[in-house]
Every structure is written in C-alpha cells, then in structure tokens.
C-alpha cells in the first residue's frame, strides 16, 4: 500500500468517534448440532462461520467484537471455544469451525432443553470468571449476548428457555436471541406469523410479562439456511451497539404551527424542530482491511486509482471490464461509497489522429445510449492491470451517464463488505399534526431548482490560514531563529566591506523579483535592529521567504 493510501486509511480510522464501539457486548454462540438436522445445516453454517471469522479477525480500527465463546449441543454439551479476543485470533477460530464439522451427524440426543439451559448458564459463569481474572483491554462492556442457532421451532425453544431460566441469575445477560434456521423444504410451510422478529401471540406476551426475565431481551429471528443469510445474521455483531442515547439531532427551522412552536427558555424565541435519530453503518470501509490493497481501489485522487508502474517510461493504464448493465432506478445509493472520478475521452497526444477521433465518437455513442435508456454500467477491475500483489481481489464500480460528454465512476459495495441493514417501510400516512409541523418548517427554507456547490462556503480557507499562522507563531523562539542564531554565533568577519557584501549577496539570493538599481556600498544604510521594524523588503516577500526567520512578536503584529 502506498504512503498516501496508508495516510488515507489512518484518517478513516481516526474519523471513528472515540465514543463509538465502546459498549460492544461479548458474544456467546450456542450451536444446536443435534441430529438429524445437523446433517442439513453443517455445511452452510460452517462456511458462513469461516467467512465471518476471516473478516472479523482482520478488521482494523475500534474493537467491534471483543470476546467470543462457542458452545455446541450434540450428543452432549461441549465448549468448543472459551472466551477469546476475536481480532488477530484466526487460528483458534478456524480450529473451532473444524471441531464443529467433526461433530456426529447421526444419533439420538436426550434432554435437549436441559442442555440449552446448561449452555447459557455455563457461558455466563465463564464470562464472569474471565472478567474477574483478565484485564478488559480495549472494551469496557460488562454484558454478554447469547445467540442460539437451531433448526427446531424457534418459538418452542424460546418458551423453553424462558421457563428454564426464570429462577437463574442472569445479571450479566443483556440479550438472548434464538435464530431459527429454516430449511429449504420448510420455507413453504412457514406461517406468516413466524416471520416476525418476536412471537406475536397474546399468550406469549402475557407469559413474558409475568416472567422474571424482564431485564433480558429475548427475541426470535428467522434466517434462511443459506451461506449469505447466515453471514448477515453474524455480521449484525459488527454494528455499533451503543444505544444508550440518540446519535444525531436533525434541526429544521421553527414551525409556525401551534404544536411545533415551542419557545426557547433562554431567549423566548421559537425553537427549531429537532428530530432525534440513530445512525447505522451500511458497509465496512476497505481501509479497515489494510492487508488487501486491491480491494476498493482508492478514488480520492488519480495517483491512488492508477496501478503502480514498474517502469516510469511506459506507464500502464488501469483496465476496467464492463460486466453488466444496470437500470438507474434499481441502484440504491447506499451501496455506493468513496469519492467519484470523472471519465472523459482521452486527448493524449501520442495517439494517432484517426484513432483519437474514432475513440471520441465511440465514447460519445456510449454516453448517448446510457443517457437515453437511463442505464448504468457495472465494471470490474481487470486482474491483468491490478496492483501486482497477486491477491486476486476484485474491485467493482458503477459508471453513471451525465448530460455532458463524460461519465461518473463510483466504487460499489460487494458482498463481503456489506453490513445488514433493516429498512422498514411504513404503509400508513403520518398523523396530520406531524405533517403540518414539518410542512410549516420546510416552507421557510430557500428552494433552489439546481444545486450549485460553488455557493457553499465551509470556511476552510480561513481555518487553514489561522492554523498555518498559529503553527508558525507557536514554535519556540529558539527553533525559529535557530538557523539565524547559528550563523550569528559563527566567527564574524570584521565590520567593513566584507560584512556588507555578505548581506548584499544574501538579499539578492532571497529576491524573487527584479532587484533595484545597485547602490554604492559606502552609501547603503545599515538596517535597524529594533523589534518594531522588519527587514526592508516587500510584504509578500517577507511572508514567503523571510517568514520563518522573523520573531513571533512581529508575526502576531502582522496578523492583527
């Protein structure tokens, strides 16, 4: 990875807030590997676990999954993996998957309910001992979440766990999730009520309301028995679980309606309409995987996008292969990330004139077809023009058409980097008072038919100016005048023509404009050494060349 890519990666990691991922719970995975269902789910579950462990153990940045323990219920209860840190522990995680694969797929299991209860209690006791005898490290959560993977009826397992654990000490258990893996032949027999995240019958709610497990969330989730579906269920662990308070306040102008106008207690003015929201990641940044430089080729600059050239005399061009046509209305913006690049027909002078004209016409035809048919193109990096690392990792992009003779290139999300995100759709209209409040607030905003980013000023230039001046002025006096003091401390020649000639040659070396007519040495005035005067030079030249030579007092005076 180039130096710029490393700096970009570090900046992305620093962008993570210090308050993010500080409440990540430890995880316990209980796999119901009892026959005969284990023979139908063993392959897909072990493959999903392997893929997830490859990803979770390689992620840089804040700790998303601090501790993990794995239990298996087969002929007997087995602890395949005691609590271990996930990051950097791939070998132990893969050995756990191999032990899962080796479990018997035939046989008879008795008292499965008691084994589930024992697995939950053993995991909580194991977590308590780990927290007492081990330093917490990069996490400070004292809670654990238990996930049970089973092919049995999820509602039956949930009721059984509620009944068996009602008299147990579950103080460190924050959430108990039962994941019902639906097999292919049972998908058509599934009732609509089973698709809910939690049981919806009134009897279940009444029983849960009188149950002493109120401090623990108990949920039921249905997952199809495929590798992708099980991966998504496991990737839920990588989301930020710090839901103690809201993460975003969206401020709208004050509403003019009676319901939305609340005077501010300080100035008695109408308060803005505040919408309190939570935020959720849609994808994992490729910068979190520094060991795969080919994944998500950077588009922040042309230097990052172009492949490294072994020969500067014959630079190679990046090759993108078109693999699919996409309808524009079928591409979700949440799967696009990174900074876009503009693509236009080349004007390289090394091409033949006829070849350049043909290339320009073909490019024009492509833009015209994509624009008229409202199409996007899905392109993939050609392995022949990769970064030379030999990893075989592909990067995908989307080409969007525009009104001009150009295309827009945006990186697109892949399966490995996608995080599960539930986006509920409301089929009902919002209440009328809420509609009136929001409409009254939005009517006060200025409306622009065309967005012009040139009208937006972020005060970046002002910030960079003061930052640069502050950095210069905050340097110690000795550091700024170190070079000057070193020259002054050297052996001085006797005052006379030699010293004057040295100063004259130094001034000529610093000049960036045509010098004034030369003055005889005997008539040249000597510069004053007072702090209130600078050297006799133009202000622009003083800022550019003599800035670091001057004292902080002079710089602060100029800033005023």
Foldseek 3Di string as FASTA:
>chain_A
DDPVLLVVLVVVLVVPDPPFLQAQAAEEEEEECEPQCVVVQLVLLLVLQLLLLVPQQQFDHARLHAWYWYWYQYLHIDTLGQIDGSHPPSVSSNSSSVVSNPGDNDDDHPPVLVRVLVSVVVNLVSLVVCPVPDDPPRYDHQAYEYEYEDQDDQVVSLVSNLVVCLPPDRPRYAEYEYEHAHEPVCPVVDDPQLQDFARDDPVVVVVVVPGNCPNHHYTYHYFYSHNLRSNQVVLVSRKGPPVPDFDDKDWFAQFPDPVRFDADPPPRGGGTRIDTHHDIQFWDDCSRRVVCCQEPQAPPDPVRNAADAPDPVDGDGWDKAWDDKAAQVVDDPSQWDHDKDKFAQDPDPVDDPVVSVVSNVVLQVVLVVCVVRRMKTKIKTDPVRTNPPPPPDIWIWIWHHDPDSIIMITTGHDSSTGHDDDDDDDPDDDDPVVVSRVVRRVVPDDDDPDDDCVVDDPCPVVVVVVVVLCVLLPDDQCVLQVVVVVVVPDDDDDPDDVVLVVVVVVVVVLDPDDDDPDDDPVPDDDDDPDLVDDDPDDPVSCVPRVVSNHHSVVSVVVVD
